[in-house]
């Protein structure tokens, strides 16, 4: 249910638009460090630039695609 958070945190880091810190080793210092990194002017600028490339319709498109897959799957299971 919550497994995608690790994927997305790694993607954010890979894209250079944010940072992450491991929950298992989270401390006040590690969180402060991660927030400091995320607020670095270079990361902020990349995040702003990246935000302009993200479509606002993304969630609607994803929902339609998931619904189509669910309908196809339900149709396949009816034929078995």
N, C-alpha and C. Protein backbone atom coordinates (compact mmCIF):
# COMPACT_ATOMS: atom_id res chain seq x y z
N UNK A 1 0.82 -1.19 0.00
CA UNK A 1 0.00 0.00 0.00
C UNK A 1 0.86 1.25 0.00
N UNK A 2 1.95 1.25 0.72
CA UNK A 2 2.80 2.43 0.80
C UNK A 2 4.16 2.21 0.15
N UNK A 3 4.31 1.16 -0.61
CA UNK A 3 5.60 0.83 -1.20
C UNK A 3 6.12 1.81 -2.21
N UNK A 4 5.24 2.60 -2.84
CA UNK A 4 5.71 3.50 -3.88
C UNK A 4 6.46 4.71 -3.32
N UNK A 5 6.37 4.97 -2.05
CA UNK A 5 7.07 6.13 -1.48
C UNK A 5 8.58 6.00 -1.65
N UNK A 6 9.10 4.78 -1.61
CA UNK A 6 10.53 4.58 -1.77
C UNK A 6 10.94 4.82 -3.22
N UNK A 7 10.11 4.38 -4.14
CA UNK A 7 10.38 4.64 -5.56
C UNK A 7 10.39 6.14 -5.83
N UNK A 8 9.35 6.84 -5.39
CA UNK A 8 9.24 8.27 -5.69
C UNK A 8 10.32 9.08 -4.99
N UNK A 9 10.70 8.70 -3.79
CA UNK A 9 11.77 9.45 -3.13
C UNK A 9 13.09 9.27 -3.87
N UNK A 10 13.33 8.07 -4.39
CA UNK A 10 14.56 7.87 -5.17
C UNK A 10 14.51 8.62 -6.49
N UNK A 11 13.33 8.68 -7.11
CA UNK A 11 13.20 9.43 -8.38
C UNK A 11 13.42 10.92 -8.14
N UNK A 12 12.89 11.45 -7.07
CA UNK A 12 13.07 12.88 -6.76
C UNK A 12 14.55 13.18 -6.58
N UNK A 13 15.26 12.30 -5.89
CA UNK A 13 16.69 12.49 -5.70
C UNK A 13 17.44 12.37 -7.02
N UNK A 14 17.10 11.35 -7.82
CA UNK A 14 17.75 11.15 -9.12
C UNK A 14 17.55 12.34 -10.05
N UNK A 15 16.38 12.94 -10.01
CA UNK A 15 16.07 14.08 -10.86
C UNK A 15 16.69 15.38 -10.34
N UNK A 16 17.19 15.35 -9.13
CA UNK A 16 17.82 16.52 -8.55
C UNK A 16 16.85 17.61 -8.15
N UNK A 17 15.60 17.20 -7.85
CA UNK A 17 14.58 18.18 -7.48
C UNK A 17 14.18 18.07 -6.01
N UNK A 18 14.95 17.31 -5.25
CA UNK A 18 14.65 17.14 -3.84
C UNK A 18 15.65 16.18 -3.23
N UNK A 19 15.37 15.79 -2.03
CA UNK A 19 16.25 14.88 -1.31
C UNK A 19 15.40 13.96 -0.43
N UNK A 20 16.02 13.02 0.18
CA UNK A 20 15.31 12.10 1.06
C UNK A 20 16.21 11.72 2.23
N UNK A 21 15.60 11.18 3.23
CA UNK A 21 16.34 10.63 4.36
C UNK A 21 15.62 9.37 4.81
N UNK A 22 16.37 8.38 5.18
CA UNK A 22 15.79 7.09 5.56
C UNK A 22 15.00 7.22 6.86
N UNK A 23 13.80 6.71 6.85
CA UNK A 23 12.95 6.76 8.04
C UNK A 23 13.58 5.99 9.20
N UNK A 24 14.20 4.87 8.89
CA UNK A 24 14.77 4.03 9.94
C UNK A 24 15.89 4.72 10.71
N UNK A 25 16.55 5.66 10.05
CA UNK A 25 17.66 6.36 10.70
C UNK A 25 17.36 7.84 10.90
N UNK A 26 16.10 8.20 10.87
CA UNK A 26 15.69 9.60 10.98
C UNK A 26 16.01 10.16 12.37
N UNK A 27 16.71 11.26 12.35
CA UNK A 27 17.01 11.99 13.58
C UNK A 27 16.74 13.47 13.32
N UNK A 28 16.79 14.24 14.34
CA UNK A 28 16.63 15.69 14.16
C UNK A 28 17.70 16.22 13.20
N UNK A 29 18.93 15.76 13.38
CA UNK A 29 20.03 16.22 12.53
C UNK A 29 19.87 15.77 11.08
N UNK A 30 19.46 14.50 10.86
CA UNK A 30 19.31 14.03 9.49
C UNK A 30 18.16 14.75 8.79
N UNK A 31 17.08 15.01 9.52
CA UNK A 31 15.96 15.74 8.93
C UNK A 31 16.34 17.19 8.63
N UNK A 32 17.05 17.81 9.56
CA UNK A 32 17.51 19.18 9.34
C UNK A 32 18.43 19.24 8.13
N UNK A 33 19.32 18.27 8.00
CA UNK A 33 20.22 18.20 6.85
C UNK A 33 19.47 18.02 5.55
N UNK A 34 18.48 17.12 5.54
CA UNK A 34 17.69 16.88 4.33
C UNK A 34 16.90 18.12 3.94
N UNK A 35 16.33 18.80 4.92
CA UNK A 35 15.59 20.03 4.62
C UNK A 35 16.52 21.11 4.08
N UNK A 36 17.71 21.20 4.66
CA UNK A 36 18.70 22.15 4.17
C UNK A 36 19.07 21.87 2.72
N UNK A 37 19.26 20.60 2.39
CA UNK A 37 19.57 20.22 1.01
C UNK A 37 18.41 20.57 0.08
N UNK A 38 17.19 20.26 0.51
CA UNK A 38 16.02 20.52 -0.33
C UNK A 38 15.82 22.00 -0.59
N UNK A 39 16.28 22.83 0.33
CA UNK A 39 16.13 24.28 0.17
C UNK A 39 17.33 24.94 -0.50
N UNK A 40 18.31 24.14 -0.90
CA UNK A 40 19.46 24.66 -1.63
C UNK A 40 18.97 25.32 -2.92
N UNK A 41 19.53 26.47 -3.25
CA UNK A 41 19.03 27.25 -4.39
C UNK A 41 19.07 26.47 -5.71
N UNK A 42 20.07 25.62 -5.91
CA UNK A 42 20.14 24.84 -7.15
C UNK A 42 19.00 23.82 -7.23
N UNK A 43 18.70 23.17 -6.12
CA UNK A 43 17.61 22.20 -6.10
C UNK A 43 16.27 22.92 -6.27
N UNK A 44 16.11 24.05 -5.61
CA UNK A 44 14.87 24.82 -5.74
C UNK A 44 14.65 25.22 -7.19
N UNK A 45 15.70 25.69 -7.85
CA UNK A 45 15.57 26.11 -9.25
C UNK A 45 15.22 24.93 -10.16
N UNK A 46 15.87 23.78 -9.95
CA UNK A 46 15.54 22.58 -10.75
C UNK A 46 14.11 22.15 -10.49
N UNK A 47 13.67 22.21 -9.23
CA UNK A 47 12.30 21.82 -8.89
C UNK A 47 11.29 22.75 -9.57
N UNK A 48 11.57 24.04 -9.57
CA UNK A 48 10.67 24.99 -10.25
C UNK A 48 10.59 24.71 -11.74
N UNK A 49 11.74 24.45 -12.34
CA UNK A 49 11.78 24.15 -13.76
C UNK A 49 11.02 22.85 -14.06
N UNK A 50 11.25 21.86 -13.23
CA UNK A 50 10.59 20.56 -13.40
C UNK A 50 9.08 20.67 -13.22
N UNK A 51 8.66 21.47 -12.27
CA UNK A 51 7.22 21.63 -11.99
C UNK A 51 6.47 22.11 -13.22
N UNK A 52 7.10 22.94 -14.02
CA UNK A 52 6.47 23.43 -15.24
C UNK A 52 6.29 22.36 -16.30
N UNK A 53 7.00 21.26 -16.16
CA UNK A 53 6.91 20.17 -17.12
C UNK A 53 5.90 19.10 -16.72
N UNK A 54 5.41 19.17 -15.50
CA UNK A 54 4.47 18.17 -14.99
C UNK A 54 3.06 18.61 -15.34
N UNK A 55 2.35 17.76 -16.05
CA UNK A 55 0.99 18.09 -16.45
C UNK A 55 0.01 18.05 -15.29
N UNK A 56 -0.89 18.99 -15.27
CA UNK A 56 -1.90 19.02 -14.21
C UNK A 56 -2.95 17.94 -14.42
N UNK A 57 -3.00 17.40 -15.59
CA UNK A 57 -3.98 16.36 -15.88
C UNK A 57 -3.46 14.95 -15.56
N UNK A 58 -2.24 14.87 -15.04
CA UNK A 58 -1.62 13.57 -14.82
C UNK A 58 -2.44 12.60 -13.99
N UNK A 59 -3.03 13.07 -12.90
CA UNK A 59 -3.82 12.19 -12.04
C UNK A 59 -5.07 11.70 -12.76
N UNK A 60 -5.70 12.57 -13.54
CA UNK A 60 -6.89 12.16 -14.29
C UNK A 60 -6.53 11.12 -15.34
N UNK A 61 -5.41 11.34 -16.03
CA UNK A 61 -4.97 10.38 -17.04
C UNK A 61 -4.66 9.04 -16.39
N UNK A 62 -3.94 9.07 -15.29
CA UNK A 62 -3.61 7.83 -14.59
C UNK A 62 -4.86 7.10 -14.12
N UNK A 63 -5.84 7.83 -13.62
CA UNK A 63 -7.09 7.21 -13.15
C UNK A 63 -7.83 6.57 -14.32
N UNK A 64 -7.88 7.24 -15.46
CA UNK A 64 -8.54 6.65 -16.63
C UNK A 64 -7.83 5.38 -17.09
N UNK A 65 -6.49 5.42 -17.09
CA UNK A 65 -5.73 4.24 -17.50
C UNK A 65 -5.95 3.07 -16.54
N UNK A 66 -5.93 3.37 -15.25
CA UNK A 66 -6.16 2.32 -14.25
C UNK A 66 -7.57 1.74 -14.37
N UNK A 67 -8.55 2.61 -14.61
CA UNK A 67 -9.92 2.13 -14.78
C UNK A 67 -10.03 1.23 -16.01
N UNK A 68 -9.35 1.61 -17.09
CA UNK A 68 -9.38 0.79 -18.31
C UNK A 68 -8.75 -0.57 -18.06
N UNK A 69 -7.64 -0.59 -17.34
CA UNK A 69 -6.99 -1.86 -17.01
C UNK A 69 -7.90 -2.71 -16.13
N UNK A 70 -8.53 -2.07 -15.15
CA UNK A 70 -9.44 -2.80 -14.25
C UNK A 70 -10.61 -3.39 -15.04
N UNK A 71 -11.17 -2.60 -15.97
CA UNK A 71 -12.28 -3.12 -16.79
C UNK A 71 -11.82 -4.28 -17.65
N UNK A 72 -10.64 -4.16 -18.25
CA UNK A 72 -10.10 -5.24 -19.09
C UNK A 72 -9.86 -6.48 -18.25
N UNK A 73 -9.31 -6.31 -17.06
CA UNK A 73 -9.04 -7.43 -16.18
C UNK A 73 -10.35 -8.10 -15.76
N UNK A 74 -11.34 -7.31 -15.42
CA UNK A 74 -12.64 -7.87 -15.02
C UNK A 74 -13.26 -8.64 -16.17
N UNK A 75 -13.12 -8.10 -17.39
CA UNK A 75 -13.64 -8.79 -18.56
C UNK A 75 -12.92 -10.11 -18.82
N UNK A 76 -11.61 -10.12 -18.60
CA UNK A 76 -10.83 -11.34 -18.77
C UNK A 76 -11.21 -12.40 -17.76
N UNK A 77 -11.48 -11.99 -16.52
CA UNK A 77 -11.81 -12.97 -15.49
C UNK A 77 -13.21 -13.55 -15.70
N UNK A 78 -14.09 -12.80 -16.37
CA UNK A 78 -15.42 -13.32 -16.66
C UNK A 78 -15.39 -14.41 -17.70
N UNK A 79 -14.40 -14.37 -18.57
CA UNK A 79 -14.34 -15.35 -19.66
C UNK A 79 -13.68 -16.66 -19.25
N UNK A 80 -13.16 -16.76 -18.03
CA UNK A 80 -12.47 -17.98 -17.59
C UNK A 80 -13.40 -18.90 -16.87
